[in-house]
N, C-alpha and C. Protein backbone atom coordinates (compact mmCIF):
# COMPACT_ATOMS: atom_id res chain seq x y z
N UNK A 1 8.43 54.89 2.37
CA UNK A 1 8.34 56.58 2.57
C UNK A 1 8.99 56.63 4.02
N UNK A 2 9.89 57.69 4.15
CA UNK A 2 10.24 57.76 5.25
C UNK A 2 10.16 59.26 5.77
N UNK A 3 9.66 59.48 7.28
CA UNK A 3 9.50 60.76 7.52
C UNK A 3 10.61 61.38 8.28
N UNK A 4 11.02 62.63 7.59
CA UNK A 4 12.39 62.94 8.23
C UNK A 4 12.24 63.06 9.63
N UNK A 5 13.28 62.54 10.31
CA UNK A 5 13.70 62.73 11.87
C UNK A 5 12.66 61.78 12.63
N UNK A 6 11.73 60.92 11.88
CA UNK A 6 11.37 59.92 12.72
C UNK A 6 11.44 58.75 12.06
N UNK A 7 10.99 57.85 12.79
CA UNK A 7 11.10 56.03 12.28
C UNK A 7 10.53 56.10 10.86
N UNK A 8 10.76 55.23 10.10
CA UNK A 8 10.36 54.92 9.07
C UNK A 8 9.02 54.17 9.14
N UNK A 9 8.12 54.55 8.28
CA UNK A 9 6.74 53.70 8.28
C UNK A 9 6.95 52.21 7.46
N UNK A 10 6.31 51.07 8.44
CA UNK A 10 6.25 50.04 8.13
C UNK A 10 5.07 49.65 7.98
N UNK A 11 4.90 48.33 7.47
CA UNK A 11 3.63 47.57 7.38
C UNK A 11 3.36 46.62 6.28
N UNK A 12 2.49 46.16 6.16
CA UNK A 12 2.14 45.17 5.13
C UNK A 12 1.02 45.34 3.94
N UNK A 13 1.34 45.08 2.99
CA UNK A 13 0.30 45.71 1.80
C UNK A 13 -0.33 44.09 1.33
N UNK A 14 -1.60 44.32 1.57
CA UNK A 14 -2.18 43.04 1.19
C UNK A 14 -3.43 43.26 -0.07
N UNK A 15 -3.11 42.29 -1.24
CA UNK A 15 -3.93 42.59 -2.60
C UNK A 15 -5.24 41.63 -2.40
N UNK A 16 -6.45 41.47 -2.09
CA UNK A 16 -7.36 40.38 -2.26
C UNK A 16 -8.08 40.44 -3.90
N UNK A 17 -8.27 39.41 -4.44
CA UNK A 17 -8.98 39.22 -5.63
C UNK A 17 -10.06 38.04 -5.26
N UNK A 18 -11.46 38.05 -5.48
CA UNK A 18 -12.22 36.82 -5.82
C UNK A 18 -12.02 36.61 -7.10
N UNK A 19 -11.54 34.82 -6.87
CA UNK A 19 -11.48 34.05 -8.18
C UNK A 19 -12.37 33.29 -8.26
N UNK A 20 -13.37 33.08 -7.67
CA UNK A 20 -14.42 32.15 -7.87
C UNK A 20 -15.16 31.74 -9.07
N UNK A 21 -15.33 32.98 -9.68
CA UNK A 21 -15.84 32.87 -11.33
C UNK A 21 -14.77 31.84 -12.27
N UNK A 22 -13.64 32.10 -11.89
CA UNK A 22 -12.56 31.80 -12.75
C UNK A 22 -12.37 30.55 -12.30
N UNK A 23 -12.56 29.97 -11.10
CA UNK A 23 -12.41 28.76 -10.58
C UNK A 23 -13.59 27.95 -11.52
N UNK A 24 -15.10 28.39 -11.26
CA UNK A 24 -15.86 27.74 -11.66
C UNK A 24 -15.99 27.58 -13.19
N UNK A 25 -15.11 28.48 -14.14
CA UNK A 25 -15.19 28.19 -15.51
C UNK A 25 -14.30 27.12 -15.69
N UNK A 26 -13.21 26.96 -14.76
CA UNK A 26 -12.08 25.85 -15.20
C UNK A 26 -12.92 24.69 -14.56
N UNK A 27 -13.66 24.44 -13.78
CA UNK A 27 -14.34 22.96 -13.38
C UNK A 27 -15.45 22.77 -14.61
N UNK A 28 -16.12 23.96 -15.07
CA UNK A 28 -17.19 23.51 -15.93
C UNK A 28 -16.52 23.03 -17.16
N UNK A 29 -15.54 23.69 -17.60
CA UNK A 29 -14.67 23.13 -19.06
C UNK A 29 -14.45 21.89 -18.59
N UNK A 30 -13.59 21.52 -17.33
CA UNK A 30 -13.19 20.08 -17.59
C UNK A 30 -14.42 18.97 -17.42
N UNK A 31 -15.59 19.32 -16.74
CA UNK A 31 -16.58 18.60 -16.84
C UNK A 31 -16.95 18.47 -17.98
N UNK A 32 -17.30 19.34 -18.73
CA UNK A 32 -17.54 19.15 -20.56
C UNK A 32 -16.52 18.40 -20.96
N UNK A 33 -15.55 18.15 -20.95
CA UNK A 33 -14.65 17.55 -21.69
C UNK A 33 -14.50 16.18 -21.21
N UNK A 34 -14.85 16.01 -20.46
CA UNK A 34 -14.47 14.30 -19.38
C UNK A 34 -15.65 13.62 -19.88
N UNK A 35 -15.28 12.67 -20.28
CA UNK A 35 -16.45 11.56 -20.37
C UNK A 35 -17.08 11.19 -19.33
N UNK A 36 -18.44 10.77 -19.33
CA UNK A 36 -19.05 10.33 -18.16
C UNK A 36 -19.70 9.00 -18.24
N UNK A 37 -18.82 8.01 -17.77
CA UNK A 37 -19.28 6.73 -17.71
C UNK A 37 -20.74 6.17 -17.37
N UNK A 38 -21.28 7.27 -16.45
CA UNK A 38 -22.58 6.86 -15.84
C UNK A 38 -23.46 7.56 -16.14
N UNK A 39 -23.54 8.14 -17.38
CA UNK A 39 -24.38 9.26 -17.92
C UNK A 39 -25.90 8.24 -18.27
N UNK A 40 -26.82 8.86 -18.24
CA UNK A 40 -28.17 8.30 -18.85
C UNK A 40 -29.17 8.36 -17.79
N UNK A 41 -30.19 7.99 -18.27
CA UNK A 41 -31.62 8.33 -17.36
C UNK A 41 -31.61 7.33 -16.17
N UNK A 42 -30.93 6.06 -16.45
CA UNK A 42 -31.04 4.98 -15.17
C UNK A 42 -30.08 5.68 -13.88
N UNK A 43 -29.26 6.39 -14.58
CA UNK A 43 -28.22 7.07 -13.27
C UNK A 43 -28.36 8.62 -12.78
N UNK A 44 -29.36 8.92 -13.41
CA UNK A 44 -29.53 10.35 -13.20
C UNK A 44 -30.06 10.84 -11.70
N UNK A 45 -30.35 9.82 -10.81
CA UNK A 45 -30.50 9.98 -9.70
C UNK A 45 -29.28 10.18 -8.86
N UNK A 46 -28.35 9.42 -9.72
CA UNK A 46 -27.03 9.70 -9.33
C UNK A 46 -25.92 10.67 -9.38
N UNK A 47 -26.52 11.87 -10.03
CA UNK A 47 -25.82 12.77 -10.42
C UNK A 47 -25.89 14.32 -9.39
N UNK A 48 -24.95 14.78 -9.10
CA UNK A 48 -24.89 15.98 -7.87
C UNK A 48 -24.17 17.06 -9.13
N UNK A 49 -25.06 17.96 -9.30
CA UNK A 49 -24.46 19.06 -10.04
C UNK A 49 -23.78 18.88 -11.39
N UNK A 50 -22.57 18.82 -11.48
CA UNK A 50 -22.05 18.49 -12.62
C UNK A 50 -21.19 17.34 -12.61
N UNK A 51 -20.97 16.76 -11.33
CA UNK A 51 -20.31 15.55 -11.17
C UNK A 51 -21.11 14.25 -10.94
N UNK A 52 -20.57 13.27 -11.36
CA UNK A 52 -21.31 12.01 -11.23
C UNK A 52 -20.69 11.63 -9.63
N UNK A 53 -21.86 11.89 -8.96
CA UNK A 53 -22.05 11.05 -7.59
C UNK A 53 -21.24 9.48 -7.38
N UNK A 54 -21.73 8.75 -7.82
CA UNK A 54 -21.27 7.35 -7.92
C UNK A 54 -19.86 7.21 -8.38
N UNK A 55 -19.47 7.87 -9.46
CA UNK A 55 -17.95 7.93 -9.88
C UNK A 55 -17.17 8.42 -8.90
N UNK A 56 -17.62 9.67 -8.46
CA UNK A 56 -16.61 10.05 -7.03
C UNK A 56 -16.60 9.53 -5.71
N UNK A 57 -17.62 9.03 -5.96
CA UNK A 57 -17.68 7.95 -4.37
C UNK A 57 -16.73 6.73 -4.43
N UNK A 58 -17.06 5.99 -5.92
CA UNK A 58 -16.08 4.52 -6.17
C UNK A 58 -14.57 5.23 -6.19
N UNK A 59 -14.38 6.12 -6.55
CA UNK A 59 -13.05 6.83 -6.97
C UNK A 59 -12.54 6.83 -5.48
N UNK A 60 -12.96 7.63 -5.03
CA UNK A 60 -12.83 7.82 -3.32
C UNK A 60 -12.52 6.93 -2.62
N UNK A 61 -13.45 5.74 -2.74
CA UNK A 61 -13.31 4.84 -1.94
C UNK A 61 -11.94 3.72 -2.53
N UNK A 62 -12.05 3.74 -3.86
CA UNK A 62 -10.64 3.05 -4.28
C UNK A 62 -9.47 3.75 -3.63
N UNK A 63 -9.22 5.01 -3.64
CA UNK A 63 -8.21 5.55 -3.07
C UNK A 63 -8.05 5.24 -1.47
N UNK A 64 -8.93 4.83 -0.83
CA UNK A 64 -8.21 4.86 0.82
C UNK A 64 -7.58 3.62 0.84
N UNK A 65 -6.93 3.47 2.22
CA UNK A 65 -6.11 2.05 2.67
C UNK A 65 -6.88 1.26 2.90
N UNK A 66 -8.36 1.30 3.43
CA UNK A 66 -9.44 0.68 3.91
C UNK A 66 -10.09 0.02 2.71
N UNK A 67 -10.65 -1.21 2.64
CA UNK A 67 -10.99 -2.04 1.72
C UNK A 67 -12.55 -2.21 2.12
N UNK A 68 -13.66 -2.14 1.16
CA UNK A 68 -14.95 -2.64 1.61
C UNK A 68 -15.47 -3.45 0.68
N UNK A 69 -16.18 -4.70 1.16
CA UNK A 69 -17.01 -5.64 0.84
C UNK A 69 -18.20 -5.48 0.83
N UNK A 70 -19.10 -5.76 -0.27
CA UNK A 70 -20.72 -5.83 -0.14
C UNK A 70 -21.04 -7.25 0.23
N UNK A 71 -21.97 -7.52 0.98
CA UNK A 71 -22.57 -8.67 1.28
C UNK A 71 -23.95 -8.72 1.06
N UNK A 72 -24.92 -9.73 0.46
CA UNK A 72 -26.43 -9.47 0.62
C UNK A 72 -26.93 -9.81 1.68
N UNK A 73 -28.12 -9.95 1.98
CA UNK A 73 -28.47 -10.08 3.29
C UNK A 73 -28.25 -11.66 3.72
N UNK A 74 -28.24 -12.67 2.99
CA UNK A 74 -27.86 -13.94 3.44
C UNK A 74 -26.52 -14.20 3.34
N UNK A 75 -25.52 -12.83 3.27
CA UNK A 75 -24.17 -13.04 3.42
C UNK A 75 -23.30 -13.33 2.23
N UNK A 76 -24.03 -13.42 1.02
CA UNK A 76 -23.13 -14.14 -0.28
C UNK A 76 -22.46 -12.62 -0.76
N UNK A 77 -21.35 -13.02 -1.16
CA UNK A 77 -20.63 -11.66 -1.73
C UNK A 77 -21.29 -11.26 -3.06
N UNK A 78 -21.03 -9.44 -2.85
CA UNK A 78 -21.67 -8.98 -4.07
C UNK A 78 -20.89 -7.74 -4.92
N UNK A 79 -19.72 -7.89 -4.02
CA UNK A 79 -18.49 -6.97 -4.59
C UNK A 79 -17.69 -6.41 -3.86
N UNK A 80 -16.52 -5.64 -4.30
CA UNK A 80 -15.51 -5.19 -3.30
C UNK A 80 -15.02 -3.99 -3.92
N UNK A 81 -14.33 -3.03 -3.52
CA UNK A 81 -13.86 -1.71 -3.59
C UNK A 81 -12.42 -2.29 -4.19
N UNK A 82 -11.92 -1.50 -4.97
CA UNK A 82 -10.72 -1.49 -5.79
C UNK A 82 -9.61 -1.63 -4.50
N UNK A 83 -9.71 -0.85 -3.39
CA UNK A 83 -8.76 -0.99 -2.38
C UNK A 83 -8.47 -2.31 -1.89
N UNK A 84 -9.82 -2.84 -1.49
CA UNK A 84 -9.96 -4.34 -1.10
C UNK A 84 -9.11 -5.11 -2.27
N UNK A 85 -9.23 -5.18 -3.40
CA UNK A 85 -8.61 -5.68 -4.53
C UNK A 85 -7.19 -5.78 -4.38
N UNK A 86 -6.83 -4.52 -4.41
CA UNK A 86 -5.18 -4.36 -4.14
C UNK A 86 -4.77 -4.82 -2.90
N UNK A 87 -5.75 -4.80 -1.98
CA UNK A 87 -4.93 -5.14 -0.60
C UNK A 87 -4.72 -6.39 -0.53
N UNK A 88 -5.44 -7.36 -1.33
CA UNK A 88 -5.24 -8.86 -1.34
C UNK A 88 -4.49 -9.15 -2.68
N UNK A 89 -4.22 -8.23 -3.84
CA UNK A 89 -3.26 -8.67 -4.56
C UNK A 89 -4.36 -9.17 -5.50
N UNK A 90 -5.75 -8.76 -5.87
CA UNK A 90 -6.59 -9.57 -6.83
C UNK A 90 -7.05 -8.42 -7.89
N UNK A 91 -7.08 -9.16 -8.99
CA UNK A 91 -7.54 -7.88 -10.16
C UNK A 91 -8.69 -7.34 -10.30
N UNK A 92 -8.99 -6.20 -10.69
CA UNK A 92 -10.11 -5.57 -10.86
C UNK A 92 -11.18 -6.91 -11.39
N UNK A 93 -12.52 -6.75 -10.40
CA UNK A 93 -13.55 -7.70 -10.79
C UNK A 93 -13.49 -8.98 -10.12
N UNK A 94 -12.43 -9.05 -9.37
CA UNK A 94 -12.40 -10.30 -8.87
C UNK A 94 -13.45 -10.79 -8.29
N UNK A 95 -13.58 -12.01 -8.25
CA UNK A 95 -14.47 -12.86 -7.46
C UNK A 95 -14.12 -13.90 -6.43
N UNK A 96 -14.67 -14.14 -5.24
CA UNK A 96 -13.94 -15.03 -4.47
C UNK A 96 -14.20 -16.45 -4.89
N UNK A 97 -13.80 -17.10 -4.08
CA UNK A 97 -13.78 -18.91 -4.61
C UNK A 97 -15.21 -19.05 -4.43
N UNK A 98 -15.53 -20.53 -4.87
CA UNK A 98 -17.01 -21.10 -5.06
C UNK A 98 -17.64 -21.41 -3.69
N UNK A 99 -16.64 -21.61 -2.62
CA UNK A 99 -17.03 -21.95 -1.43
C UNK A 99 -17.12 -20.83 -0.72
N UNK A 100 -17.01 -19.71 -1.17
CA UNK A 100 -17.40 -18.12 -0.66
C UNK A 100 -16.13 -17.61 0.03
N UNK A 101 -16.23 -16.50 0.75
CA UNK A 101 -14.88 -15.59 1.43
C UNK A 101 -14.65 -16.27 2.48
N UNK A 102 -15.11 -17.31 3.24
CA UNK A 102 -14.47 -17.98 4.55
C UNK A 102 -13.68 -18.64 3.96
N UNK A 103 -13.65 -19.19 3.01
CA UNK A 103 -12.48 -20.11 2.33
C UNK A 103 -11.24 -19.14 2.32
N UNK A 104 -11.22 -17.90 2.27
CA UNK A 104 -10.00 -17.49 2.24
C UNK A 104 -9.60 -16.82 3.74
N UNK A 105 -10.44 -17.06 4.65
CA UNK A 105 -10.05 -16.94 6.22
C UNK A 105 -9.36 -17.79 6.71
N UNK A 106 -8.13 -17.95 7.26
CA UNK A 106 -7.32 -18.80 7.75
C UNK A 106 -8.19 -19.90 8.99
N UNK A 107 -7.90 -20.79 8.64
CA UNK A 107 -8.93 -22.16 9.35
C UNK A 107 -8.86 -21.69 10.89
N UNK A 108 -7.77 -21.64 11.27
CA UNK A 108 -7.81 -21.02 12.64
C UNK A 108 -8.55 -19.83 13.29
N UNK A 109 -9.21 -18.88 12.49
CA UNK A 109 -9.79 -17.64 12.47
C UNK A 109 -11.07 -18.10 11.74
N UNK A 110 -11.65 -18.93 11.32
CA UNK A 110 -12.59 -18.95 10.48
C UNK A 110 -13.83 -18.57 11.74
N UNK A 111 -13.88 -19.63 13.05
CA UNK A 111 -14.95 -19.41 14.00
C UNK A 111 -15.11 -18.32 14.40
N UNK A 112 -13.92 -17.32 14.45
CA UNK A 112 -14.08 -16.01 14.90
C UNK A 112 -15.11 -15.26 13.47
N UNK A 113 -14.77 -15.30 12.67
CA UNK A 113 -15.61 -14.80 11.36
C UNK A 113 -16.81 -15.05 11.18
N UNK A 114 -17.17 -16.57 11.57
CA UNK A 114 -18.46 -16.82 11.79
C UNK A 114 -19.27 -16.33 12.82
N UNK A 115 -18.66 -16.22 13.94
CA UNK A 115 -19.22 -15.63 15.15
C UNK A 115 -19.66 -14.16 14.94
N UNK A 116 -18.45 -13.57 14.23
CA UNK A 116 -19.00 -11.70 13.95
C UNK A 116 -19.90 -11.48 12.94
N UNK A 117 -19.69 -12.40 11.76
CA UNK A 117 -21.08 -12.28 10.97
C UNK A 117 -22.39 -12.77 11.73
N UNK A 118 -22.21 -13.55 12.38
CA UNK A 118 -23.86 -13.66 13.27
C UNK A 118 -24.06 -12.67 13.92
N UNK A 119 -23.16 -12.27 14.82
CA UNK A 119 -23.41 -11.04 15.53
C UNK A 119 -24.10 -9.88 14.65
N UNK A 120 -23.15 -9.66 13.76
CA UNK A 120 -23.72 -8.72 12.70
C UNK A 120 -25.12 -8.58 12.37
N UNK A 121 -25.28 -9.94 12.18
CA UNK A 121 -26.69 -10.25 11.51
C UNK A 121 -27.84 -10.30 12.53
N UNK A 122 -27.36 -10.07 13.66
CA UNK A 122 -28.40 -10.20 14.92
C UNK A 122 -28.82 -11.43 15.49
N UNK A 123 -28.28 -12.49 15.33
CA UNK A 123 -28.35 -13.55 15.96
C UNK A 123 -28.55 -13.43 17.25
N UNK A 124 -29.65 -14.08 17.73
CA UNK A 124 -30.12 -13.81 19.45
C UNK A 124 -29.30 -14.79 20.13
N UNK A 125 -28.47 -15.48 19.43
CA UNK A 125 -27.48 -16.84 20.17
C UNK A 125 -26.15 -15.82 20.95
N UNK A 126 -25.87 -14.56 20.16
CA UNK A 126 -24.83 -14.09 20.43
C UNK A 126 -24.86 -12.48 20.70
N UNK A 127 -23.81 -12.04 21.14
CA UNK A 127 -24.11 -10.50 21.89
C UNK A 127 -24.17 -9.46 20.53
N UNK A 128 -25.11 -8.75 20.64
CA UNK A 128 -25.36 -7.76 19.43
C UNK A 128 -23.81 -7.30 19.23
N UNK A 129 -23.73 -6.93 17.79
CA UNK A 129 -22.78 -6.02 17.26
C UNK A 129 -22.95 -4.76 17.17
N UNK A 130 -21.93 -3.88 17.77
CA UNK A 130 -22.09 -2.51 17.66
C UNK A 130 -21.26 -1.97 16.51
N UNK A 131 -21.67 -1.63 15.76
CA UNK A 131 -20.73 -0.81 14.58
C UNK A 131 -19.59 0.02 14.96
N UNK A 132 -20.05 0.80 15.86
CA UNK A 132 -19.36 1.86 16.02
C UNK A 132 -18.11 1.61 16.92
N UNK A 133 -18.16 0.51 17.56
CA UNK A 133 -16.91 -0.10 18.09
C UNK A 133 -16.26 -1.70 18.19
N UNK A 134 -16.98 -2.47 17.62
CA UNK A 134 -16.63 -3.65 17.24
C UNK A 134 -15.82 -3.87 15.97
N UNK A 135 -14.90 -5.18 16.21
CA UNK A 135 -13.97 -5.05 14.90
C UNK A 135 -13.54 -6.73 15.47
N UNK A 136 -13.34 -7.21 14.46
CA UNK A 136 -12.11 -8.50 14.59
C UNK A 136 -11.11 -8.17 13.92
N UNK A 137 -10.01 -9.35 14.18
CA UNK A 137 -8.71 -9.30 13.42
C UNK A 137 -8.42 -10.82 12.84
N UNK A 138 -8.78 -11.13 11.65
CA UNK A 138 -8.40 -12.36 11.02
C UNK A 138 -7.23 -12.42 10.20
N UNK A 139 -6.95 -13.24 10.06
CA UNK A 139 -5.74 -13.68 8.76
C UNK A 139 -6.51 -14.16 7.63
N UNK A 140 -6.11 -13.48 6.47
CA UNK A 140 -7.06 -13.40 5.06
C UNK A 140 -5.91 -13.87 4.13
N UNK A 141 -6.24 -14.94 3.21
CA UNK A 141 -5.18 -15.31 2.34
C UNK A 141 -5.41 -14.36 0.86
N UNK A 142 -4.19 -13.82 0.48
CA UNK A 142 -4.06 -12.94 -0.41
C UNK A 142 -3.93 -13.80 -1.77
N UNK A 143 -3.55 -13.16 -2.99
CA UNK A 143 -3.61 -13.86 -4.12
C UNK A 143 -2.28 -14.59 -4.36
N UNK A 144 -1.43 -14.20 -3.63
CA UNK A 144 0.20 -15.05 -3.72
C UNK A 144 -0.20 -16.18 -2.50
N UNK A 145 -1.28 -16.34 -1.93
CA UNK A 145 -1.20 -17.41 -1.04
C UNK A 145 -0.89 -17.22 0.51
N UNK A 146 -0.27 -15.98 0.80
CA UNK A 146 0.31 -15.64 2.11
C UNK A 146 -0.89 -15.21 2.65
N UNK A 147 -0.85 -14.98 4.09
CA UNK A 147 -1.64 -14.39 4.90
C UNK A 147 -1.36 -13.12 5.40
N UNK A 148 -2.55 -12.45 5.32
CA UNK A 148 -2.42 -10.71 5.78
C UNK A 148 -3.64 -10.76 7.03
N UNK A 149 -3.21 -10.00 7.86
CA UNK A 149 -4.16 -9.65 9.16
C UNK A 149 -5.17 -8.43 8.81
N UNK A 150 -5.92 -8.78 8.84
CA UNK A 150 -7.14 -7.76 8.44
C UNK A 150 -7.79 -7.48 9.43
N UNK A 151 -8.40 -6.17 10.14
CA UNK A 151 -9.10 -6.05 10.97
C UNK A 151 -10.40 -5.42 10.37
N UNK A 152 -11.75 -6.43 10.34
CA UNK A 152 -12.81 -6.20 9.96
C UNK A 152 -13.82 -5.40 10.77
N UNK A 153 -14.70 -4.77 10.28
CA UNK A 153 -15.57 -3.97 10.92
C UNK A 153 -16.95 -3.89 10.20
N UNK A 154 -17.90 -4.45 10.83
CA UNK A 154 -18.87 -4.12 9.69
C UNK A 154 -20.12 -3.47 10.04
N UNK A 155 -21.13 -3.21 9.04
CA UNK A 155 -22.10 -2.46 9.35
C UNK A 155 -23.58 -2.95 8.87
N UNK A 156 -24.67 -2.95 9.61
CA UNK A 156 -25.61 -4.25 9.04
C UNK A 156 -26.88 -2.85 8.13
N UNK A 157 -26.89 -3.03 7.08
CA UNK A 157 -27.46 -2.07 6.26
C UNK A 157 -28.74 -3.02 5.16
N UNK A 158 -29.29 -4.06 6.16
CA UNK A 158 -30.24 -4.41 5.24
C UNK A 158 -31.38 -3.94 5.39
N UNK A 159 -31.89 -2.88 5.93
CA UNK A 159 -33.16 -2.01 5.88
C UNK A 159 -32.75 -0.92 5.00
N UNK A 160 -31.67 -0.63 4.66
CA UNK A 160 -31.53 0.48 3.42
C UNK A 160 -31.50 -0.08 2.04
N UNK A 161 -32.65 0.23 1.26
CA UNK A 161 -32.71 -0.11 0.13
C UNK A 161 -31.96 -0.40 -0.93
N UNK A 162 -30.86 1.02 -0.86
CA UNK A 162 -29.77 1.02 -1.80
C UNK A 162 -28.76 -0.03 -1.55
N UNK A 163 -28.61 -0.56 -0.13
CA UNK A 163 -27.48 -1.53 0.18
C UNK A 163 -28.32 -2.81 0.19
N UNK A 164 -29.38 -3.09 1.22
CA UNK A 164 -30.15 -4.61 1.20
C UNK A 164 -29.18 -5.64 1.70
N UNK A 165 -28.11 -5.12 2.68
CA UNK A 165 -27.03 -6.36 3.19
C UNK A 165 -26.32 -5.57 4.19
N UNK A 166 -25.01 -6.20 3.94
CA UNK A 166 -23.88 -5.49 4.77
C UNK A 166 -22.60 -4.96 4.23
N UNK A 167 -22.29 -3.97 4.77
CA UNK A 167 -20.66 -3.20 4.40
C UNK A 167 -19.54 -3.57 5.41
N UNK A 168 -18.34 -4.27 4.96
CA UNK A 168 -17.75 -5.03 5.91
C UNK A 168 -16.35 -4.04 5.22
N UNK A 169 -15.76 -3.48 6.27
CA UNK A 169 -14.49 -2.65 6.01
C UNK A 169 -13.39 -3.57 6.36
N UNK A 170 -12.23 -3.37 5.82
CA UNK A 170 -11.16 -4.25 6.20
C UNK A 170 -9.78 -3.23 6.31
N UNK A 171 -9.08 -3.39 7.13
CA UNK A 171 -7.76 -2.56 7.11
C UNK A 171 -6.74 -3.43 7.38
N UNK A 172 -5.68 -3.79 6.68
CA UNK A 172 -4.62 -4.37 6.83
C UNK A 172 -3.85 -4.11 8.17
N UNK A 173 -3.75 -4.64 8.93
CA UNK A 173 -3.19 -4.41 10.59
C UNK A 173 -1.66 -5.55 10.33
N UNK A 174 -1.31 -6.26 9.53
CA UNK A 174 -0.32 -7.05 9.68
C UNK A 174 0.71 -6.67 10.43
N UNK A 175 1.30 -5.31 10.24
CA UNK A 175 2.45 -4.93 10.88
C UNK A 175 2.16 -4.64 12.56
N UNK A 176 1.23 -4.12 12.78
CA UNK A 176 0.63 -3.89 13.94
C UNK A 176 0.48 -5.30 14.87
N UNK A 177 0.15 -6.38 14.31
CA UNK A 177 -0.18 -7.69 14.83
C UNK A 177 1.39 -8.35 14.79
N UNK A 178 2.16 -8.07 14.11
CA UNK A 178 3.45 -8.68 14.04
C UNK A 178 4.26 -8.01 14.91
N UNK A 179 4.33 -6.69 14.96
CA UNK A 179 4.79 -6.06 16.00
C UNK A 179 4.65 -6.12 17.48
N UNK A 180 3.37 -6.56 17.82
CA UNK A 180 2.78 -6.76 18.95
C UNK A 180 3.01 -8.32 19.72
N UNK A 181 3.37 -9.15 18.39
CA UNK A 181 3.83 -10.64 18.59
C UNK A 181 5.10 -10.58 19.16
N UNK A 182 5.91 -9.71 18.29
CA UNK A 182 7.18 -9.56 18.18
C UNK A 182 7.69 -9.36 19.83
N UNK A 183 6.84 -8.18 20.21
CA UNK A 183 7.29 -7.65 21.56
C UNK A 183 6.72 -8.61 22.73
N UNK A 184 5.94 -9.33 22.56
CA UNK A 184 5.26 -10.53 23.32
C UNK A 184 6.69 -11.33 23.75
N UNK A 185 6.91 -11.83 22.48
CA UNK A 185 8.11 -12.74 22.35
C UNK A 185 9.08 -12.36 22.85
N UNK A 186 9.53 -11.05 23.08
CA UNK A 186 10.67 -10.55 23.48
C UNK A 186 10.57 -10.28 24.93
N UNK A 187 9.53 -10.18 25.70
CA UNK A 187 9.19 -9.82 26.83
C UNK A 187 9.16 -11.18 27.42
N UNK A 188 8.85 -12.15 27.10
CA UNK A 188 9.01 -13.58 27.38
C UNK A 188 10.41 -14.17 27.46
N UNK A 189 10.94 -13.55 26.55
CA UNK A 189 12.32 -14.28 26.63
C UNK A 189 13.15 -13.62 27.49
N UNK A 190 13.08 -12.52 27.54
CA UNK A 190 13.74 -11.41 28.47
C UNK A 190 13.20 -11.76 29.92
N UNK A 191 12.14 -12.60 30.38
CA UNK A 191 11.68 -12.50 31.84
C UNK A 191 12.36 -14.04 32.57
């Protein structure tokens, strides 16, 4: 609409509509049609609303670039996320060698790994591990026999009855380590 002899009227027209009920109906419909692999009385405590909390948790962890392994209180391997298996090229359900996870660590890095686990376990002969800041870089052998540099961070959850052990996360830092090594070599050569 234009006012004769005056500037045209301008502005923005915004229409809003609450779509909450429609979205909830779509989600409910999807939940009813999807099979629930964890359904049953044994897993009822894992359920959150119409979603299976365990399934969502495992799916989310598997999608992350960081892998996680679960160790029992004595340090034995209990399991790994699918991201950890992918990072090292192992198939789902992979188990470490009979000698344990340490066999996968490069021989030159095994002492670092042992000391880190001792610190995480609270060994009084070592400085205490701080889960918020401490990490170690280790070379770990993948399924092809090549070594990847992994940054490891651990959390002591022995007092948590749901975990009763340690969770150790791993991030592939091979590119970062190789770039640092290349830069150091370059500056040594240039000097």
